[in-house]
Amino acid sequence: MKRPTPRCWGITGMAAFAAVAVLLSAPAGNAWASAAHAPVKSTVVKPTVAKPATLNPGDRVSPSAIPMAAVDTCADDAYKAGIPYNKSVGGYPAIVVAVAVALAESSCNPDAQNVNGPTSGCPNGSTDRGLWQINNCYHPNVSDSCAYNGMCNAIAAYQISDDGTDWEPWSTYTSGVYKNYISDARSAISSLTVTLYNQNTNRCLAADQAATSNGSPIFQWACESGNVYEEWHVEVVDGNLQVLKNVGTGTCLDADGSASGNGDPVFQWSCGSDTSAYEQWVLGGSGSLSDYADATLYSWGDHTCLANDSAKVGNGDPIFQWACDSGNGWEQWT
């Protein structure tokens, strides 16, 4: 792919809205740099013998009785927590297993609560809480305010499951009950559409609605609910890596394959059936407990991350590649 000729960028019909997002900051100027690397895994050390995530056997509600909106909420939270598509668990993509476990555990109800009696590990009893039913005795670092917040609960599940790859701590996984929910989980993941917001700029990732040919701009724009040019359909193709297809333009988020340094382009490109590595992105969760996601988007082709220009934070200002840094707020998306 060739770097596009510079052009004026324009987009119309957008208005700002309040959003919750990352709280990290970086120095003024271009995006905060560091040595490039793949998305950072959570720093939580997995114990030799995993502590139970939950003690109850799960809600086990019939899949047909669970509203699809609830399933979609689980899918969105699991995605933004960083649970991967491209790793397999029990023969299924890890993110599909994650959503199926949440469906079996809580029916994807963020307020779900199950009280357990005394056990050898929890002599005073305990409570399983939220989407992934995180137990308060075995995981006291997960506060109630976190456990009953969907995003924070998903990040806790990401931690406990060794970044989404080990679901043995959940009873509905070890019993096999989660398999009853695989179909709904697959459906939610295959239709997943997300917006990507940066707290530092107070802007969303957008495609230029006035120019949709190969090489046309991807930029920052004030967030507006329902704006299809800020909505990205998460597709899984070659190697089960993520491709982000803009709902408004029908083009894909692409890193310039001929230039992969700090400040080099990110643009729109046609979505091919044999999608190149430059259209494939890995979302890396930080594993830090919070009610917002602070994930990086890492280009499989260029080995750089999607970043905002910290010196230009207005409508139409650049989105580009930058060396990945898990502490760089200009690279954090929710």
C-alpha atoms as a PDB file:
ATOM      1  CA  MET A   1       0.000   0.000   0.000  1.00  0.00           C
ATOM      2  CA  LYS A   2       1.204   3.475  -0.832  1.00  0.00           C
ATOM      3  CA  ARG A   3       1.064   6.453   1.415  1.00  0.00           C
ATOM      4  CA  PRO A   4      -1.771   8.734   0.227  1.00  0.00           C
ATOM      5  CA  THR A   5      -1.190  12.228  -1.123  1.00  0.00           C
ATOM      6  CA  PRO A   6      -1.931  14.844   1.597  1.00  0.00           C
ATOM      7  CA  ARG A   7      -5.434  16.281   1.269  1.00  0.00           C
ATOM      8  CA  CYS A   8      -7.956  18.331   3.189  1.00  0.00           C
ATOM      9  CA  TRP A   9     -10.068  16.312   5.561  1.00  0.00           C
ATOM     10  CA  GLY A  10     -13.721  16.931   6.183  1.00  0.00           C
ATOM     11  CA  ILE A  11     -16.661  15.347   7.938  1.00  0.00           C
ATOM     12  CA  THR A  12     -20.105  16.755   8.625  1.00  0.00           C
ATOM     13  CA  GLY A  13     -23.081  16.260  10.851  1.00  0.00           C
ATOM     14  CA  MET A  14     -21.264  15.381  14.097  1.00  0.00           C
ATOM     15  CA  ALA A  15     -21.744  16.752  17.620  1.00  0.00           C
ATOM     16  CA  ALA A  16     -19.943  16.019  20.869  1.00  0.00           C
ATOM     17  CA  PHE A  17     -21.382  13.878  23.629  1.00  0.00           C
ATOM     18  CA  ALA A  18     -20.167  12.967  27.116  1.00  0.00           C
ATOM     19  CA  ALA A  19     -18.224   9.744  27.351  1.00  0.00           C
ATOM     20  CA  VAL A  20     -16.385   7.697  29.973  1.00  0.00           C
ATOM     21  CA  ALA A  21     -12.863   6.652  29.065  1.00  0.00           C
ATOM     22  CA  VAL A  22      -9.209   6.419  29.876  1.00  0.00           C
ATOM     23  CA  LEU A  23      -7.643   8.734  32.444  1.00  0.00           C
ATOM     24  CA  LEU A  24      -3.989   8.470  31.508  1.00  0.00           C
ATOM     25  CA  SER A  25      -2.110  11.517  30.188  1.00  0.00           C
ATOM     26  CA  ALA A  26       1.061  12.252  28.250  1.00  0.00           C
ATOM     27  CA  PRO A  27       3.341  15.210  27.548  1.00  0.00           C
ATOM     28  CA  ALA A  28       2.320  17.787  24.942  1.00  0.00           C
ATOM     29  CA  GLY A  29       3.624  17.342  21.420  1.00  0.00           C
ATOM     30  CA  ASN A  30       3.387  14.235  19.310  1.00  0.00           C
ATOM     31  CA  ALA A  31       2.268  10.956  20.808  1.00  0.00           C
ATOM     32  CA  TRP A  32       4.394   9.760  23.714  1.00  0.00           C
ATOM     33  CA  ALA A  33       7.001   7.390  22.312  1.00  0.00           C
ATOM     34  CA  SER A  34       8.666   4.228  23.541  1.00  0.00           C
ATOM     35  CA  ALA A  35      10.159   1.078  22.044  1.00  0.00           C
ATOM     36  CA  ALA A  36       7.608  -0.743  19.884  1.00  0.00           C
ATOM     37  CA  HIS A  37       6.262  -4.021  21.205  1.00  0.00           C
ATOM     38  CA  ALA A  38       3.157  -6.166  21.082  1.00  0.00           C
ATOM     39  CA  PRO A  39       0.272  -5.253  23.430  1.00  0.00           C
ATOM     40  CA  VAL A  40       1.234  -5.592  27.065  1.00  0.00           C
ATOM     41  CA  LYS A  41      -0.232  -8.527  28.956  1.00  0.00           C
ATOM     42  CA  SER A  42      -1.650  -8.010  32.402  1.00  0.00           C
ATOM     43  CA  THR A  43       0.970  -7.972  35.129  1.00  0.00           C
ATOM     44  CA  VAL A  44      -1.099 -10.152  37.448  1.00  0.00           C
ATOM     45  CA  VAL A  45       0.888 -13.239  38.470  1.00  0.00           C
ATOM     46  CA  LYS A  46      -1.151 -16.398  38.038  1.00  0.00           C
ATOM     47  CA  PRO A  47      -0.988 -18.578  41.170  1.00  0.00           C
ATOM     48  CA  THR A  48       0.228 -22.172  40.966  1.00  0.00           C
ATOM     49  CA  VAL A  49      -3.253 -23.339  41.972  1.00  0.00           C
ATOM     50  CA  ALA A  50      -5.905 -20.987  40.605  1.00  0.00           C
ATOM     51  CA  LYS A  51      -8.374 -19.591  43.118  1.00  0.00           C
ATOM     52  CA  PRO A  52     -12.022 -20.158  42.238  1.00  0.00           C
ATOM     53  CA  ALA A  53     -13.591 -17.245  40.398  1.00  0.00           C
ATOM     54  CA  THR A  54     -17.030 -18.297  41.557  1.00  0.00           C
ATOM     55  CA  LEU A  55     -18.486 -20.883  43.934  1.00  0.00           C
ATOM     56  CA  ASN A  56     -22.093 -21.158  42.753  1.00  0.00           C
ATOM     57  CA  PRO A  57     -23.076 -23.478  39.875  1.00  0.00           C
ATOM     58  CA  GLY A  58     -24.315 -20.581  37.744  1.00  0.00           C
ATOM     59  CA  ASP A  59     -27.743 -19.234  36.771  1.00  0.00           C
ATOM     60  CA  ARG A  60     -28.055 -21.737  33.899  1.00  0.00           C
ATOM     61  CA  VAL A  61     -31.022 -19.839  32.481  1.00  0.00           C
ATOM     62  CA  SER A  62     -32.232 -21.064  29.096  1.00  0.00           C
ATOM     63  CA  PRO A  63     -30.381 -19.174  26.340  1.00  0.00           C
ATOM     64  CA  SER A  64     -33.717 -18.246  24.747  1.00  0.00           C
ATOM     65  CA  ALA A  65     -34.730 -16.424  27.950  1.00  0.00           C
ATOM     66  CA  ILE A  66     -31.725 -14.067  27.917  1.00  0.00           C
ATOM     67  CA  PRO A  67     -32.253 -10.780  26.027  1.00  0.00           C
ATOM     68  CA  MET A  68     -29.853 -10.305  23.118  1.00  0.00           C
ATOM     69  CA  ALA A  69     -29.068  -6.812  24.431  1.00  0.00           C
ATOM     70  CA  ALA A  70     -27.594  -8.427  27.555  1.00  0.00           C
ATOM     71  CA  VAL A  71     -25.495 -10.793  25.442  1.00  0.00           C
ATOM     72  CA  ASP A  72     -24.235  -7.833  23.394  1.00  0.00           C
ATOM     73  CA  THR A  73     -23.228  -6.004  26.589  1.00  0.00           C
ATOM     74  CA  CYS A  74     -21.132  -9.000  27.664  1.00  0.00           C
ATOM     75  CA  ALA A  75     -19.519  -9.181  24.226  1.00  0.00           C
ATOM     76  CA  ASP A  76     -18.618  -5.481  24.218  1.00  0.00           C
ATOM     77  CA  ASP A  77     -17.129  -5.621  27.724  1.00  0.00           C
ATOM     78  CA  ALA A  78     -15.164  -8.802  26.953  1.00  0.00           C
ATOM     79  CA  TYR A  79     -13.792  -7.249  23.759  1.00  0.00           C
ATOM     80  CA  LYS A  80     -12.686  -4.022  25.401  1.00  0.00           C
ATOM     81  CA  ALA A  81     -11.153  -5.890  28.344  1.00  0.00           C
ATOM     82  CA  GLY A  82      -8.823  -7.434  25.761  1.00  0.00           C
ATOM     83  CA  ILE A  83      -9.988 -11.059  25.787  1.00  0.00           C
ATOM     84  CA  PRO A  84      -8.549 -12.392  22.516  1.00  0.00           C
ATOM     85  CA  TYR A  85     -10.081 -13.722  19.335  1.00  0.00           C
ATOM     86  CA  ASN A  86      -6.899 -15.365  18.115  1.00  0.00           C
ATOM     87  CA  LYS A  87      -6.375 -17.803  20.994  1.00  0.00           C
ATOM     88  CA  SER A  88      -8.355 -21.012  21.371  1.00  0.00           C
ATOM     89  CA  VAL A  89      -9.887 -22.374  24.579  1.00  0.00           C
ATOM     90  CA  GLY A  90     -11.596 -25.747  24.453  1.00  0.00           C
ATOM     91  CA  GLY A  91     -11.748 -25.534  20.669  1.00  0.00           C
ATOM     92  CA  TYR A  92     -13.432 -22.103  20.605  1.00  0.00           C
ATOM     93  CA  PRO A  93     -12.056 -18.559  20.352  1.00  0.00           C
ATOM     94  CA  ALA A  94     -11.263 -17.321  23.870  1.00  0.00           C
ATOM     95  CA  ILE A  95     -13.649 -14.371  23.595  1.00  0.00           C
ATOM     96  CA  VAL A  96     -16.533 -16.679  22.639  1.00  0.00           C
ATOM     97  CA  VAL A  97     -15.813 -18.832  25.703  1.00  0.00           C
ATOM     98  CA  ALA A  98     -15.693 -15.704  27.878  1.00  0.00           C
ATOM     99  CA  VAL A  99     -19.153 -14.573  26.774  1.00  0.00           C
ATOM    100  CA  ALA A 100     -20.572 -18.094  27.083  1.00  0.00           C
ATOM    101  CA  VAL A 101     -19.238 -18.364  30.651  1.00  0.00           C
ATOM    102  CA  ALA A 102     -20.830 -15.024  31.587  1.00  0.00           C
ATOM    103  CA  LEU A 103     -24.150 -16.164  30.108  1.00  0.00           C
ATOM    104  CA  ALA A 104     -24.033 -19.393  32.111  1.00  0.00           C
ATOM    105  CA  GLU A 105     -22.905 -17.650  35.303  1.00  0.00           C
ATOM    106  CA  SER A 106     -25.115 -14.555  35.437  1.00  0.00           C
ATOM    107  CA  SER A 107     -27.307 -14.428  32.309  1.00  0.00           C
ATOM    108  CA  CYS A 108     -25.147 -11.380  31.497  1.00  0.00           C
ATOM    109  CA  ASN A 109     -26.793  -9.383  34.276  1.00  0.00           C
ATOM    110  CA  PRO A 110     -24.269  -6.913  35.785  1.00  0.00           C
ATOM    111  CA  ASP A 111     -26.266  -6.830  39.053  1.00  0.00           C
ATOM    112  CA  ALA A 112     -26.363 -10.620  39.484  1.00  0.00           C
ATOM    113  CA  GLN A 113     -25.558 -11.788  43.010  1.00  0.00           C
ATOM    114  CA  ASN A 114     -25.347 -15.283  44.511  1.00  0.00           C
ATOM    115  CA  VAL A 115     -24.642 -15.774  48.216  1.00  0.00           C
ATOM    116  CA  ASN A 116     -22.666 -18.854  49.265  1.00  0.00           C
ATOM    117  CA  GLY A 117     -22.588 -20.511  52.664  1.00  0.00           C
ATOM    118  CA  PRO A 118     -19.395 -21.139  54.699  1.00  0.00           C
ATOM    119  CA  THR A 119     -16.662 -23.229  53.071  1.00  0.00           C
ATOM    120  CA  SER A 120     -13.164 -24.214  54.114  1.00  0.00           C
ATOM    121  CA  GLY A 121     -11.731 -21.318  52.158  1.00  0.00           C
ATOM    122  CA  CYS A 122     -14.414 -18.846  53.177  1.00  0.00           C
ATOM    123  CA  PRO A 123     -15.619 -19.738  56.713  1.00  0.00           C
ATOM    124  CA  ASN A 124     -17.840 -16.655  56.902  1.00  0.00           C
ATOM    125  CA  GLY A 125     -19.531 -17.290  53.576  1.00  0.00           C
ATOM    126  CA  SER A 126     -19.050 -15.322  50.380  1.00  0.00           C
ATOM    127  CA  THR A 127     -20.831 -13.691  47.445  1.00  0.00           C
ATOM    128  CA  ASP A 128     -20.403 -14.184  43.697  1.00  0.00           C
ATOM    129  CA  ARG A 129     -20.929 -10.870  41.915  1.00  0.00           C
ATOM    130  CA  GLY A 130     -21.697  -9.371  38.536  1.00  0.00           C
ATOM    131  CA  LEU A 131     -21.315 -10.573  34.943  1.00  0.00           C
ATOM    132  CA  TRP A 132     -18.593 -13.149  35.589  1.00  0.00           C
ATOM    133  CA  GLN A 133     -19.663 -13.747  39.214  1.00  0.00           C
ATOM    134  CA  ILE A 134     -16.354 -12.753  40.808  1.00  0.00           C
ATOM    135  CA  ASN A 135     -16.209 -14.166  44.339  1.00  0.00           C
ATOM    136  CA  ASN A 136     -15.524 -11.589  47.073  1.00  0.00           C
ATOM    137  CA  CYS A 137     -13.708 -14.001  49.421  1.00  0.00           C
ATOM    138  CA  TYR A 138     -11.216 -15.402  46.925  1.00  0.00           C
ATOM    139  CA  HIS A 139     -10.834 -12.078  45.062  1.00  0.00           C
ATOM    140  CA  PRO A 140     -11.076  -9.328  47.693  1.00  0.00           C
ATOM    141  CA  ASN A 141      -9.082  -6.965  45.442  1.00  0.00           C
ATOM    142  CA  VAL A 142     -12.219  -6.732  43.280  1.00  0.00           C
ATOM    143  CA  SER A 143     -14.403  -4.284  45.202  1.00  0.00           C
ATOM    144  CA  ASP A 144     -18.188  -4.373  45.049  1.00  0.00           C
ATOM    145  CA  SER A 145     -18.182  -1.157  43.012  1.00  0.00           C
ATOM    146  CA  CYS A 146     -15.924  -2.882  40.477  1.00  0.00           C
ATOM    147  CA  ALA A 147     -17.724  -6.236  40.535  1.00  0.00           C
ATOM    148  CA  TYR A 148     -21.108  -4.677  39.768  1.00  0.00           C
ATOM    149  CA  ASN A 149     -19.716  -2.541  36.942  1.00  0.00           C
ATOM    150  CA  GLY A 150     -19.743  -4.495  33.683  1.00  0.00           C
ATOM    151  CA  MET A 151     -16.445  -3.188  32.309  1.00  0.00           C
ATOM    152  CA  CYS A 152     -14.537  -3.565  35.578  1.00  0.00           C
ATOM    153  CA  ASN A 153     -15.949  -7.054  36.101  1.00  0.00           C
ATOM    154  CA  ALA A 154     -14.777  -8.013  32.605  1.00  0.00           C
ATOM    155  CA  ILE A 155     -11.268  -6.762  33.378  1.00  0.00           C
ATOM    156  CA  ALA A 156     -11.272  -8.807  36.596  1.00  0.00           C
ATOM    157  CA  ALA A 157     -12.286 -11.862  34.564  1.00  0.00           C
ATOM    158  CA  TYR A 158      -9.447 -11.061  32.141  1.00  0.00           C
ATOM    159  CA  GLN A 159      -7.010 -11.076  35.069  1.00  0.00           C
ATOM    160  CA  ILE A 160      -8.295 -14.234  36.708  1.00  0.00           C
ATOM    161  CA  SER A 161      -8.459 -16.145  33.407  1.00  0.00           C
ATOM    162  CA  ASP A 162      -4.798 -15.446  32.585  1.00  0.00           C
ATOM    163  CA  ASP A 163      -5.685 -12.840  29.943  1.00  0.00           C
ATOM    164  CA  GLY A 164      -8.659 -14.836  28.707  1.00  0.00           C
ATOM    165  CA  THR A 165      -6.889 -18.159  28.174  1.00  0.00           C
ATOM    166  CA  ASP A 166      -7.819 -20.200  31.286  1.00  0.00           C
ATOM    167  CA  TRP A 167     -11.458 -20.513  32.400  1.00  0.00           C
ATOM    168  CA  GLU A 168     -10.945 -23.412  34.820  1.00  0.00           C
ATOM    169  CA  PRO A 169     -11.688 -21.155  37.862  1.00  0.00           C
ATOM    170  CA  TRP A 170     -15.354 -20.938  36.723  1.00  0.00           C
ATOM    171  CA  SER A 171     -17.656 -23.800  37.685  1.00  0.00           C
ATOM    172  CA  THR A 172     -19.762 -23.416  34.531  1.00  0.00           C
ATOM    173  CA  TYR A 173     -16.631 -23.994  32.451  1.00  0.00           C
ATOM    174  CA  THR A 174     -15.403 -27.065  34.332  1.00  0.00           C
ATOM    175  CA  SER A 175     -18.927 -28.564  34.293  1.00  0.00           C
ATOM    176  CA  GLY A 176     -19.259 -27.881  30.566  1.00  0.00           C
ATOM    177  CA  VAL A 177     -22.497 -25.921  31.040  1.00  0.00           C
ATOM    178  CA  TYR A 178     -20.994 -22.948  29.168  1.00  0.00           C
ATOM    179  CA  LYS A 179     -21.239 -24.942  25.910  1.00  0.00           C
ATOM    180  CA  ASN A 180     -25.032 -24.469  25.974  1.00  0.00           C
ATOM    181  CA  TYR A 181     -24.394 -20.767  25.372  1.00  0.00           C
ATOM    182  CA  ILE A 182     -21.729 -20.966  22.668  1.00  0.00           C
ATOM    183  CA  SER A 183     -24.188 -20.298  19.843  1.00  0.00           C
ATOM    184  CA  ASP A 184     -25.460 -17.045  21.397  1.00  0.00           C
ATOM    185  CA  ALA A 185     -21.931 -16.017  22.295  1.00  0.00           C
ATOM    186  CA  ARG A 186     -20.782 -16.591  18.699  1.00  0.00           C
ATOM    187  CA  SER A 187     -23.713 -14.564  17.394  1.00  0.00           C
ATOM    188  CA  ALA A 188     -22.911 -11.629  19.676  1.00  0.00           C
ATOM    189  CA  ILE A 189     -19.234 -11.664  18.746  1.00  0.00           C
ATOM    190  CA  SER A 190     -19.911 -11.948  15.009  1.00  0.00           C
ATOM    191  CA  SER A 191     -22.208  -8.898  15.089  1.00  0.00           C
ATOM    192  CA  LEU A 192     -20.131  -6.818  17.488  1.00  0.00           C
ATOM    193  CA  THR A 193     -19.980  -3.106  16.639  1.00  0.00           C
ATOM    194  CA  VAL A 194     -17.958  -0.721  18.813  1.00  0.00           C
ATOM    195  CA  THR A 195     -16.994   2.915  19.163  1.00  0.00           C
ATOM    196  CA  LEU A 196     -13.445   3.788  20.232  1.00  0.00           C
ATOM    197  CA  TYR A 197     -13.000   6.838  22.459  1.00  0.00           C
ATOM    198  CA  ASN A 198      -9.914   8.557  23.852  1.00  0.00           C
ATOM    199  CA  GLN A 199     -10.126  10.514  27.116  1.00  0.00           C
ATOM    200  CA  ASN A 200      -7.066  12.647  26.368  1.00  0.00           C
ATOM    201  CA  THR A 201      -8.611  14.125  23.231  1.00  0.00           C
ATOM    202  CA  ASN A 202     -12.285  13.729  24.183  1.00  0.00           C
ATOM    203  CA  ARG A 203     -12.728  12.458  20.624  1.00  0.00           C
ATOM    204  CA  CYS A 204     -13.755   9.249  18.868  1.00  0.00           C
ATOM    205  CA  LEU A 205     -12.058   7.327  16.075  1.00  0.00           C
ATOM    206  CA  ALA A 206     -13.834   8.265  12.839  1.00  0.00           C
ATOM    207  CA  ALA A 207     -13.641   7.711   9.086  1.00  0.00           C
ATOM    208  CA  ASP A 208     -14.033  10.657   6.701  1.00  0.00           C
ATOM    209  CA  GLN A 209     -17.551  10.436   5.318  1.00  0.00           C
ATOM    210  CA  ALA A 210     -16.653  12.807   2.457  1.00  0.00           C
ATOM    211  CA  ALA A 211     -13.844  10.588   1.129  1.00  0.00           C
ATOM    212  CA  THR A 212     -14.040   6.812   1.186  1.00  0.00           C
ATOM    213  CA  SER A 213     -11.496   5.665  -1.399  1.00  0.00           C
ATOM    214  CA  ASN A 214      -8.271   3.826  -0.588  1.00  0.00           C
ATOM    215  CA  GLY A 215      -5.976   6.091   1.426  1.00  0.00           C
ATOM    216  CA  SER A 216      -8.739   8.414   2.632  1.00  0.00           C
ATOM    217  CA  PRO A 217      -8.497   9.776   6.162  1.00  0.00           C
ATOM    218  CA  ILE A 218      -9.096   8.263   9.564  1.00  0.00           C
ATOM    219  CA  PHE A 219      -9.186  10.992  12.186  1.00  0.00           C
ATOM    220  CA  GLN A 220     -10.483  12.259  15.532  1.00  0.00           C
ATOM    221  CA  TRP A 221     -14.004  13.643  15.773  1.00  0.00           C
ATOM    222  CA  ALA A 222     -16.366  14.720  18.531  1.00  0.00           C
ATOM    223  CA  CYS A 223     -18.330  11.676  19.663  1.00  0.00           C
ATOM    224  CA  GLU A 224     -21.961  11.413  18.662  1.00  0.00           C
ATOM    225  CA  SER A 225     -24.221   8.519  19.540  1.00  0.00           C
ATOM    226  CA  GLY A 226     -25.559   6.851  16.414  1.00  0.00           C
ATOM    227  CA  ASN A 227     -22.952   8.354  14.080  1.00  0.00           C
ATOM    228  CA  VAL A 228     -22.157   5.455  11.730  1.00  0.00           C
ATOM    229  CA  TYR A 229     -18.802   6.997  10.734  1.00  0.00           C
ATOM    230  CA  GLU A 230     -17.648   6.471  14.330  1.00  0.00           C
ATOM    231  CA  GLU A 231     -18.929   2.901  14.493  1.00  0.00           C
ATOM    232  CA  TRP A 232     -16.661  -0.044  13.713  1.00  0.00           C
ATOM    233  CA  HIS A 233     -17.805  -3.573  13.015  1.00  0.00           C
ATOM    234  CA  VAL A 234     -15.372  -6.092  14.490  1.00  0.00           C
ATOM    235  CA  GLU A 235     -14.744  -8.790  11.901  1.00  0.00           C
ATOM    236  CA  VAL A 236     -12.638 -11.910  12.355  1.00  0.00           C
ATOM    237  CA  VAL A 237     -10.819 -13.188   9.288  1.00  0.00           C
ATOM    238  CA  ASP A 238      -7.422 -14.670   8.461  1.00  0.00           C
ATOM    239  CA  GLY A 239      -5.917 -16.200  11.583  1.00  0.00           C
ATOM    240  CA  ASN A 240      -8.811 -15.014  13.767  1.00  0.00           C
ATOM    241  CA  LEU A 241      -7.296 -11.529  14.088  1.00  0.00           C
ATOM    242  CA  GLN A 242      -9.556  -8.512  14.264  1.00  0.00           C
ATOM    243  CA  VAL A 243     -10.405  -6.297  11.312  1.00  0.00           C
ATOM    244  CA  LEU A 244     -12.275  -3.056  12.011  1.00  0.00           C
ATOM    245  CA  LYS A 245     -14.742  -2.160   9.258  1.00  0.00           C
ATOM    246  CA  ASN A 246     -16.330   1.286   9.384  1.00  0.00           C
ATOM    247  CA  VAL A 247     -20.115   1.027   9.360  1.00  0.00           C
ATOM    248  CA  GLY A 248     -20.555   4.299   7.434  1.00  0.00           C
ATOM    249  CA  THR A 249     -17.944   3.944   4.701  1.00  0.00           C
ATOM    250  CA  GLY A 250     -17.598   0.175   4.393  1.00  0.00           C
ATOM    251  CA  THR A 251     -13.804   0.563   4.393  1.00  0.00           C
ATOM    252  CA  CYS A 252     -11.353  -0.928   6.896  1.00  0.00           C
ATOM    253  CA  LEU A 253      -8.913   0.613   9.342  1.00  0.00           C
ATOM    254  CA  ASP A 254      -5.476   0.206   7.760  1.00  0.00           C
ATOM    255  CA  ALA A 255      -1.890   1.035   8.734  1.00  0.00           C
ATOM    256  CA  ASP A 256       0.390   2.158   5.897  1.00  0.00           C
ATOM    257  CA  GLY A 257       2.365  -0.898   4.823  1.00  0.00           C
ATOM    258  CA  SER A 258       5.125   1.226   3.263  1.00  0.00           C
ATOM    259  CA  ALA A 259       5.728   3.450   6.309  1.00  0.00           C
ATOM    260  CA  SER A 260       5.701   2.149   9.865  1.00  0.00           C
ATOM    261  CA  GLY A 261       7.401   4.765  12.015  1.00  0.00           C
ATOM    262  CA  ASN A 262       6.163   7.262  14.582  1.00  0.00           C
ATOM    263  CA  GLY A 263       3.618   9.557  12.957  1.00  0.00           C
ATOM    264  CA  ASP A 264       3.188   7.436   9.833  1.00  0.00           C
ATOM    265  CA  PRO A 265      -0.282   7.081   8.367  1.00  0.00           C
ATOM    266  CA  VAL A 266      -3.368   5.183   9.336  1.00  0.00           C
ATOM    267  CA  PHE A 267      -6.112   5.395   6.722  1.00  0.00           C
ATOM    268  CA  GLN A 268      -9.118   3.750   5.098  1.00  0.00           C
ATOM    269  CA  TRP A 269      -8.620   0.859   2.699  1.00  0.00           C
ATOM    270  CA  SER A 270     -10.937  -1.538   0.942  1.00  0.00           C
ATOM    271  CA  CYS A 271     -11.654  -4.688   2.929  1.00  0.00           C
ATOM    272  CA  GLY A 272     -10.407  -7.721   1.018  1.00  0.00           C
ATOM    273  CA  SER A 273     -11.328 -11.354   1.469  1.00  0.00           C
ATOM    274  CA  ASP A 274      -7.592 -12.041   1.833  1.00  0.00           C
ATOM    275  CA  THR A 275      -7.137  -9.205   4.311  1.00  0.00           C
ATOM    276  CA  SER A 276      -3.541  -8.100   4.731  1.00  0.00           C
ATOM    277  CA  ALA A 277      -1.720  -7.919   8.052  1.00  0.00           C
ATOM    278  CA  TYR A 278      -1.971  -4.109   7.858  1.00  0.00           C
ATOM    279  CA  GLU A 279      -5.733  -4.359   8.330  1.00  0.00           C
ATOM    280  CA  GLN A 280      -5.413  -6.768  11.231  1.00  0.00           C
ATOM    281  CA  TRP A 281      -5.397  -5.354  14.756  1.00  0.00           C
ATOM    282  CA  VAL A 282      -4.880  -6.883  18.192  1.00  0.00           C
ATOM    283  CA  LEU A 283      -6.673  -5.195  21.066  1.00  0.00           C
ATOM    284  CA  GLY A 284      -4.488  -5.432  24.189  1.00  0.00           C
ATOM    285  CA  GLY A 285      -6.155  -5.006  27.572  1.00  0.00           C
ATOM    286  CA  SER A 286      -4.065  -3.540  30.373  1.00  0.00           C
ATOM    287  CA  GLY A 287      -5.544  -5.759  33.089  1.00  0.00           C
ATOM    288  CA  SER A 288      -5.859  -2.713  35.356  1.00  0.00           C
ATOM    289  CA  LEU A 289      -9.152  -2.773  37.274  1.00  0.00           C
ATOM    290  CA  SER A 290     -11.289   0.180  36.255  1.00  0.00           C
ATOM    291  CA  ASP A 291     -14.789   1.023  35.033  1.00  0.00           C
ATOM    292  CA  TYR A 292     -13.339   2.030  31.663  1.00  0.00           C
ATOM    293  CA  ALA A 293     -11.181   0.165  29.183  1.00  0.00           C
ATOM    294  CA  ASP A 294      -7.653   1.412  28.528  1.00  0.00           C
ATOM    295  CA  ALA A 295      -6.704  -0.879  25.677  1.00  0.00           C
ATOM    296  CA  THR A 296      -4.192  -0.479  22.870  1.00  0.00           C
ATOM    297  CA  LEU A 297      -4.801  -1.335  19.207  1.00  0.00           C
ATOM    298  CA  TYR A 298      -1.692  -2.963  17.790  1.00  0.00           C
ATOM    299  CA  SER A 299      -1.105  -3.297  14.030  1.00  0.00           C
ATOM    300  CA  TRP A 300      -0.162  -6.857  13.130  1.00  0.00           C
ATOM    301  CA  GLY A 301       1.582  -5.649   9.990  1.00  0.00           C
ATOM    302  CA  ASP A 302       3.499  -2.587  11.193  1.00  0.00           C
ATOM    303  CA  HIS A 303       4.012  -3.553  14.870  1.00  0.00           C
ATOM    304  CA  THR A 304       2.914  -0.070  15.924  1.00  0.00           C
ATOM    305  CA  CYS A 305      -0.105   1.155  17.885  1.00  0.00           C
ATOM    306  CA  LEU A 306      -3.012   3.377  16.939  1.00  0.00           C
ATOM    307  CA  ALA A 307      -2.416   6.825  18.442  1.00  0.00           C
ATOM    308  CA  ASN A 308      -3.876  10.319  18.625  1.00  0.00           C
ATOM    309  CA  ASP A 309      -1.723  13.354  17.875  1.00  0.00           C
ATOM    310  CA  SER A 310      -1.327  15.001  21.273  1.00  0.00           C
ATOM    311  CA  ALA A 311      -0.511  18.347  19.639  1.00  0.00           C
ATOM    312  CA  LYS A 312      -3.712  18.352  17.578  1.00  0.00           C
ATOM    313  CA  VAL A 313      -6.910  17.342  19.306  1.00  0.00           C
ATOM    314  CA  GLY A 314      -9.659  19.012  17.292  1.00  0.00           C
ATOM    315  CA  ASN A 315     -12.185  17.626  14.844  1.00  0.00           C
ATOM    316  CA  GLY A 316     -10.407  16.210  11.801  1.00  0.00           C
ATOM    317  CA  ASP A 317      -7.005  16.042  13.486  1.00  0.00           C
ATOM    318  CA  PRO A 318      -4.744  13.067  12.833  1.00  0.00           C
ATOM    319  CA  ILE A 319      -4.774   9.490  13.979  1.00  0.00           C
ATOM    320  CA  PHE A 320      -1.474   7.789  13.214  1.00  0.00           C
ATOM    321  CA  GLN A 321       0.955   5.027  14.141  1.00  0.00           C
ATOM    322  CA  TRP A 322       3.209   5.300  17.181  1.00  0.00           C
ATOM    323  CA  ALA A 323       5.527   2.987  19.090  1.00  0.00           C
ATOM    324  CA  CYS A 324       3.425   1.034  21.579  1.00  0.00           C
ATOM    325  CA  ASP A 325       3.465   2.064  25.237  1.00  0.00           C
ATOM    326  CA  SER A 326       0.895   0.681  27.680  1.00  0.00           C
ATOM    327  CA  GLY A 327       1.223   3.831  29.805  1.00  0.00           C
ATOM    328  CA  ASN A 328       0.607   6.245  26.926  1.00  0.00           C
ATOM    329  CA  GLY A 329      -2.849   7.767  27.271  1.00  0.00           C
ATOM    330  CA  TRP A 330      -2.824   8.937  23.645  1.00  0.00           C
ATOM    331  CA  GLU A 331      -2.835   5.259  22.629  1.00  0.00           C
ATOM    332  CA  GLN A 332      -5.564   4.134  25.047  1.00  0.00           C
ATOM    333  CA  TRP A 333      -9.051   3.407  23.696  1.00  0.00           C
ATOM    334  CA  THR A 334     -12.334   2.535  25.323  1.00  0.00           C
END
